[in-house]
């Protein structure tokens, strides 16, 4: 399946976001259950480093350095048939190099013929799980929401009675 660079870029961002937000133990289970064993070569050994995080006031103001964050990265080459290799890379917040390595492996598989399988068996189920967890967190947060306008309206009525 040939995709344009923009389509592949969006696919890579989507899968990277889902895999980075999923616990490494869950990704490890998907990798262990992956039936199509492939040869994985580390092009760049997984490593941990620091990255400067920038922010913007209001999202539109001037940039400023917010601080540093720990980041793990990995670059791998995956050979499905023993001949042609595809390259995958990953950056993930934190110091778990295995997490970065697994994301890089699945990103490499997205380039080749295993793309549909990675999407249907790994990315989409994890995406649904994340959406469900986020909805539960949102519902919990909404249940603690306080309506402060009520307090303002009550004090307004008290002033009218005087």
Protein backbone atom coordinates (compact mmCIF):
# COMPACT_ATOMS: atom_id res chain seq x y z
CA UNK A 1 0.00 0.00 0.00
CA UNK A 2 1.63 3.23 -1.16
CA UNK A 3 0.92 6.31 0.89
CA UNK A 4 1.93 9.87 0.29
CA UNK A 5 4.51 11.36 2.68
CA UNK A 6 1.75 13.38 4.36
CA UNK A 7 -0.42 10.29 4.90
CA UNK A 8 2.52 8.33 6.27
CA UNK A 9 3.50 11.27 8.51
CA UNK A 10 0.00 11.38 9.97
CA UNK A 11 0.02 7.60 10.44
CA UNK A 12 3.43 7.77 12.17
CA UNK A 13 2.24 10.60 14.48
CA UNK A 14 -0.94 8.70 15.33
CA UNK A 15 0.82 5.42 16.12
CA UNK A 16 3.63 7.16 18.03
CA UNK A 17 1.11 9.09 20.15
CA UNK A 18 -0.87 5.95 20.97
CA UNK A 19 2.21 3.83 21.73
CA UNK A 20 3.89 6.56 23.79
CA UNK A 21 0.76 6.96 25.94
CA UNK A 22 0.42 3.20 26.48
CA UNK A 23 2.23 1.42 29.29
CA UNK A 24 5.31 -0.49 28.15
CA UNK A 25 4.00 -3.76 29.66
CA UNK A 26 0.96 -3.58 27.37
CA UNK A 27 3.10 -2.93 24.29
CA UNK A 28 5.40 -5.77 25.35
CA UNK A 29 2.37 -8.13 25.40
CA UNK A 30 1.47 -7.09 21.86
CA UNK A 31 5.05 -7.64 20.71
CA UNK A 32 5.20 -11.08 22.41
CA UNK A 33 1.94 -12.05 20.70
CA UNK A 34 3.17 -10.81 17.29
CA UNK A 35 3.13 -13.91 15.11
CA UNK A 36 5.30 -12.60 12.32
CA UNK A 37 8.75 -12.72 13.89
CA UNK A 38 11.18 -10.40 12.26
CA UNK A 39 14.83 -9.60 12.57
CA UNK A 40 15.41 -6.39 14.55
CA UNK A 41 18.73 -4.56 14.26
CA UNK A 42 19.51 -1.61 16.49
CA UNK A 43 20.82 1.17 14.29
CA UNK A 44 21.11 3.50 17.25
CA UNK A 45 21.19 1.86 20.66
CA UNK A 46 18.33 3.01 22.87
CA UNK A 47 19.53 5.88 25.01
CA UNK A 48 18.30 8.40 27.53
CA UNK A 49 18.93 12.11 27.27
CA UNK A 50 17.54 15.50 28.10
CA UNK A 51 15.43 17.79 25.95
CA UNK A 52 14.62 21.46 26.50
CA UNK A 53 10.87 22.04 26.70
CA UNK A 54 9.60 25.37 25.43
CA UNK A 55 6.31 27.07 26.18
CA UNK A 56 4.32 30.06 24.96
CA UNK A 57 2.19 32.33 27.07
CA UNK A 58 -1.39 31.74 25.98
CA UNK A 59 -0.14 29.49 23.19
CA UNK A 60 0.58 32.49 20.97
CA UNK A 61 3.12 34.61 22.87
CA UNK A 62 6.88 34.60 22.69
CA UNK A 63 8.61 31.30 23.35
CA UNK A 64 10.35 30.71 26.64
CA UNK A 65 12.34 27.80 28.06
CA UNK A 66 10.10 25.96 30.49
CA UNK A 67 12.64 23.37 31.63
CA UNK A 68 14.24 20.08 30.72
CA UNK A 69 12.57 16.70 30.30
CA UNK A 70 14.07 13.21 30.25
CA UNK A 71 13.60 11.53 26.86
CA UNK A 72 14.43 8.04 25.56
CA UNK A 73 15.08 7.37 21.90
CA UNK A 74 15.72 4.37 19.70
CA UNK A 75 16.26 3.66 16.00
CA UNK A 76 15.87 0.15 14.61
CA UNK A 77 15.83 -1.62 11.26
CA UNK A 78 13.30 -4.41 10.85
CA UNK A 79 13.59 -7.15 8.21
CA UNK A 80 10.40 -9.14 7.71
CA UNK A 81 11.52 -11.36 4.87
CA UNK A 82 15.22 -11.34 5.68
CA UNK A 83 16.04 -9.09 2.74
CA UNK A 84 14.38 -5.68 2.69
CA UNK A 85 14.64 -3.59 5.82
CA UNK A 86 12.49 -0.74 7.06
CA UNK A 87 13.66 1.79 9.61
CA UNK A 88 11.68 2.98 12.59
CA UNK A 89 12.55 5.49 15.25
CA UNK A 90 10.93 6.73 18.42
CA UNK A 91 11.22 9.36 21.11
CA UNK A 92 9.29 8.94 24.35
CA UNK A 93 9.22 10.96 27.56
CA UNK A 94 10.90 9.22 30.47
CA UNK A 95 13.87 6.92 30.90
CA UNK A 96 12.38 3.59 29.74
CA UNK A 97 14.57 2.61 26.78
CA UNK A 98 12.56 -0.57 26.17
CA UNK A 99 9.47 1.58 25.62
CA UNK A 100 11.31 3.61 22.97
CA UNK A 101 12.65 0.44 21.33
CA UNK A 102 9.20 -1.19 21.07
CA UNK A 103 7.68 1.97 19.60
CA UNK A 104 10.50 2.11 17.04
CA UNK A 105 9.88 -1.54 16.07
CA UNK A 106 6.16 -1.01 15.49
CA UNK A 107 6.86 2.23 13.62
CA UNK A 108 9.24 0.33 11.33
CA UNK A 109 6.57 -2.30 10.71
CA UNK A 110 4.18 0.49 9.67
CA UNK A 111 6.38 1.24 6.65
CA UNK A 112 6.31 -2.26 5.23
CA UNK A 113 3.70 -4.79 4.28
CA UNK A 114 2.71 -5.31 7.91
CA UNK A 115 1.13 -1.85 8.06
CA UNK A 116 -2.48 -3.04 8.02
CA UNK A 117 -1.77 -5.68 10.65
CA UNK A 118 0.00 -3.21 12.98
CA UNK A 119 -2.90 -0.80 12.67
CA UNK A 120 -5.66 -3.36 13.19
CA UNK A 121 -3.98 -5.53 15.84
CA UNK A 122 -1.94 -3.01 17.83
CA UNK A 123 -2.63 0.68 17.23
CA UNK A 124 -6.43 0.66 16.94
CA UNK A 125 -7.12 -1.54 20.01
CA UNK A 126 -4.69 0.54 22.09
CA UNK A 127 -6.29 3.72 20.75
CA UNK A 128 -9.72 2.48 21.86
CA UNK A 129 -8.35 1.60 25.32
CA UNK A 130 -6.79 5.06 25.67
CA UNK A 131 -10.02 6.75 24.58
CA UNK A 132 -11.97 4.72 27.15
CA UNK A 133 -9.51 5.60 29.94
CA UNK A 134 -9.55 9.28 28.95
CA UNK A 135 -13.37 9.30 28.96
CA UNK A 136 -13.36 7.75 32.44
CA UNK A 137 -10.88 10.37 33.69
CA UNK A 138 -12.95 13.13 32.11
CA UNK A 139 -16.15 11.81 33.74
CA UNK A 140 -14.40 11.66 37.12
CA UNK A 141 -13.13 15.21 36.72
CA UNK A 142 -16.57 16.45 35.62
CA UNK A 143 -18.19 14.87 38.70
CA UNK A 144 -16.04 17.13 40.92
CA UNK A 145 -16.84 20.30 38.97
CA UNK A 146 -18.06 23.16 41.15
CA UNK A 147 -20.42 25.83 39.82
CA UNK A 148 -19.00 29.04 41.30
CA UNK A 149 -21.59 31.23 39.60
CA UNK A 150 -24.19 29.87 42.02
CA UNK A 151 -22.34 31.44 44.95
CA UNK A 152 -22.23 34.79 43.15
CA UNK A 153 -25.96 34.66 42.37
CA UNK A 154 -26.87 33.79 45.97
CA UNK A 155 -24.92 36.75 47.34
CA UNK A 156 -26.65 39.00 44.78
CA UNK A 157 -30.09 38.01 46.10
CA UNK A 158 -29.01 38.65 49.70
CA UNK A 159 -28.02 42.25 48.78
CA UNK A 160 -31.47 42.84 47.21
CA UNK A 161 -33.25 41.97 50.46
CA UNK A 162 -31.46 44.70 52.47
